[in-house]
């Protein structure tokens, strides 16, 4: 008497004929359930690899990831999800502004519309008390990024 190999199934394996000695599952459903759980990690890795190859091609407006050389609409989201690096650390590696977004105008427009649809625009009023005011003592000196320094040098350059 053999018990089904699926972990949560306690049914007995019934062989169709005497030569079916290698049968380990009580039904095709139990066999598929077992393979789905055993192969889930491998299946996800293959799917991710194929999707990565499919969607990281160059298009106008996409930005290149300096880690994997793929092209993405929202590169910081990609870096956080795929490479497990925070957006701030990636921007430091890139030498970019910490507070400036890195998405194209097309995506900004879409997200702007979504903010009004789902009501998160109301969060701006909640954060008003914590905003910096001119001459605020909380606004200290900090290291500027290369992008900020370049922008400021051009912005205040006297001709």
Protein backbone atom coordinates (compact mmCIF):
# COMPACT_ATOMS: atom_id res chain seq x y z
CA UNK A 1 0.00 0.00 0.00
CA UNK A 2 1.41 3.37 -1.07
CA UNK A 3 0.24 6.79 0.13
CA UNK A 4 -0.05 9.70 -2.32
CA UNK A 5 3.17 11.78 -2.56
CA UNK A 6 1.30 15.12 -2.34
CA UNK A 7 1.89 16.46 1.18
CA UNK A 8 -1.72 17.25 2.15
CA UNK A 9 -3.29 14.18 0.50
CA UNK A 10 -3.62 10.94 2.50
CA UNK A 11 -5.30 8.85 -0.21
CA UNK A 12 -3.99 5.47 -1.16
CA UNK A 13 -2.36 5.10 -4.58
CA UNK A 14 -4.37 2.70 -6.71
CA UNK A 15 -2.45 1.09 -9.56
CA UNK A 16 -4.32 0.55 -12.84
CA UNK A 17 -2.43 -2.66 -13.60
CA UNK A 18 0.42 -4.73 -12.18
CA UNK A 19 3.16 -3.03 -14.23
CA UNK A 20 2.35 0.45 -12.82
CA UNK A 21 4.81 0.18 -9.93
CA UNK A 22 6.15 3.72 -10.32
CA UNK A 23 2.84 5.50 -9.77
CA UNK A 24 3.19 7.88 -6.82
CA UNK A 25 -0.01 9.97 -6.90
CA UNK A 26 -3.64 9.03 -6.35
CA UNK A 27 -4.95 11.17 -9.23
CA UNK A 28 -3.76 13.43 -12.08
CA UNK A 29 -5.00 16.43 -10.06
CA UNK A 30 -2.77 15.49 -7.11
CA UNK A 31 0.21 14.98 -9.42
CA UNK A 32 -0.33 18.42 -11.03
CA UNK A 33 -0.72 20.06 -7.62
CA UNK A 34 2.57 18.51 -6.47
CA UNK A 35 4.46 19.61 -9.59
CA UNK A 36 3.05 23.13 -9.36
CA UNK A 37 4.37 23.53 -5.81
CA UNK A 38 7.73 21.86 -6.49
CA UNK A 39 8.40 23.76 -9.70
CA UNK A 40 6.91 27.13 -8.66
CA UNK A 41 10.29 28.79 -8.05
CA UNK A 42 11.78 27.50 -11.30
CA UNK A 43 8.68 28.48 -13.29
CA UNK A 44 8.73 32.01 -11.80
CA UNK A 45 12.43 32.44 -12.60
CA UNK A 46 11.88 31.41 -16.24
CA UNK A 47 8.83 33.69 -16.55
CA UNK A 48 10.74 36.64 -15.05
CA UNK A 49 13.69 36.08 -17.37
CA UNK A 50 11.44 35.97 -20.44
CA UNK A 51 9.48 39.05 -19.38
CA UNK A 52 12.71 40.90 -18.61
CA UNK A 53 14.02 40.15 -22.11
CA UNK A 54 10.69 41.11 -23.67
CA UNK A 55 10.11 44.45 -21.95
CA UNK A 56 13.57 45.96 -21.48
CA UNK A 57 14.08 47.01 -25.10
CA UNK A 58 14.84 50.61 -26.08
CA UNK A 59 11.95 52.98 -26.85
CA UNK A 60 11.94 56.75 -26.99
CA UNK A 61 11.41 58.12 -23.48
CA UNK A 62 12.74 55.09 -21.59
CA UNK A 63 15.78 55.36 -19.34
CA UNK A 64 18.65 52.87 -19.21
CA UNK A 65 19.41 50.96 -16.00
CA UNK A 66 23.13 51.26 -15.27
CA UNK A 67 23.14 47.89 -13.48
CA UNK A 68 21.61 45.56 -16.09
CA UNK A 69 21.58 47.78 -19.23
CA UNK A 70 17.82 47.35 -19.71
CA UNK A 71 15.50 50.18 -20.78
CA UNK A 72 12.55 51.10 -18.52
CA UNK A 73 9.84 53.74 -18.20
CA UNK A 74 10.28 53.96 -14.43
CA UNK A 75 13.89 52.91 -13.90
CA UNK A 76 13.89 53.55 -10.14
CA UNK A 77 10.92 51.23 -9.65
CA UNK A 78 12.75 48.60 -11.71
CA UNK A 79 15.90 48.97 -9.60
CA UNK A 80 13.97 48.64 -6.34
CA UNK A 81 12.04 45.57 -7.52
CA UNK A 82 14.65 43.75 -9.59
CA UNK A 83 17.99 44.64 -7.98
CA UNK A 84 16.76 45.26 -4.40
CA UNK A 85 18.49 48.65 -4.22
CA UNK A 86 16.68 51.68 -2.83
CA UNK A 87 15.82 54.50 -5.22
CA UNK A 88 17.97 56.89 -3.18
CA UNK A 89 21.06 54.64 -3.43
CA UNK A 90 20.54 54.23 -7.17
CA UNK A 91 20.30 58.00 -7.61
CA UNK A 92 23.55 58.39 -5.63
CA UNK A 93 25.24 55.86 -7.95
CA UNK A 94 23.86 57.80 -10.90
CA UNK A 95 24.81 61.21 -9.47
CA UNK A 96 21.22 62.44 -9.84
CA UNK A 97 18.98 64.65 -7.69
CA UNK A 98 17.48 62.75 -4.76
CA UNK A 99 14.15 64.54 -4.81
CA UNK A 100 13.65 64.67 -8.56
CA UNK A 101 11.64 61.95 -10.28
CA UNK A 102 13.06 59.93 -13.16
CA UNK A 103 9.95 59.16 -15.24
CA UNK A 104 9.06 60.55 -18.70
CA UNK A 105 6.35 63.16 -19.34
CA UNK A 106 3.96 60.53 -20.75
CA UNK A 107 4.03 58.54 -17.50
CA UNK A 108 3.85 61.72 -15.38
CA UNK A 109 0.63 62.69 -17.14
CA UNK A 110 -0.89 59.26 -16.48
CA UNK A 111 0.09 59.31 -12.80
CA UNK A 112 -1.19 62.89 -12.43
CA UNK A 113 -4.63 61.76 -13.63
CA UNK A 114 -4.58 58.74 -11.31
CA UNK A 115 -3.83 60.94 -8.27
CA UNK A 116 -7.08 62.84 -8.78
CA UNK A 117 -9.06 59.66 -9.55
CA UNK A 118 -8.02 57.80 -6.39
CA UNK A 119 -8.03 60.85 -4.08
CA UNK A 120 -4.39 60.81 -2.96
CA UNK A 121 -4.08 64.49 -3.92
CA UNK A 122 -5.64 65.20 -0.51
CA UNK A 123 -2.37 64.03 1.09
CA UNK A 124 -0.79 67.36 0.10
CA UNK A 125 -2.94 69.20 2.64
CA UNK A 126 -1.99 66.72 5.37
CA UNK A 127 1.74 67.40 4.83
CA UNK A 128 1.48 71.19 4.84
CA UNK A 129 2.58 71.68 8.49
CA UNK A 130 5.89 69.87 7.87
CA UNK A 131 6.96 71.87 4.80
CA UNK A 132 10.07 74.06 4.91
CA UNK A 133 9.63 77.82 5.02
CA UNK A 134 12.19 80.45 4.07
CA UNK A 135 14.77 80.82 6.85
CA UNK A 136 13.73 77.57 8.54
CA UNK A 137 16.40 76.27 10.96
CA UNK A 138 15.58 72.65 10.07
CA UNK A 139 16.85 73.16 6.52
CA UNK A 140 20.54 72.40 6.96
CA UNK A 141 23.50 72.00 4.67
CA UNK A 142 23.85 68.72 2.81
CA UNK A 143 25.91 67.26 -0.01
CA UNK A 144 24.39 68.15 -3.38
CA UNK A 145 24.37 65.62 -6.23
CA UNK A 146 26.35 66.16 -9.44
CA UNK A 147 23.12 66.86 -11.32
CA UNK A 148 22.08 69.54 -8.82
CA UNK A 149 25.50 71.21 -8.85
CA UNK A 150 25.47 71.35 -12.65
CA UNK A 151 21.94 72.78 -12.73
CA UNK A 152 22.74 75.41 -10.09
CA UNK A 153 25.96 76.45 -11.84
CA UNK A 154 24.05 77.08 -15.06
CA UNK A 155 21.05 78.63 -13.30
CA UNK A 156 22.95 81.38 -11.49
CA UNK A 157 25.71 81.92 -14.04
CA UNK A 158 26.17 85.58 -14.88
CA UNK A 159 26.63 86.28 -18.59
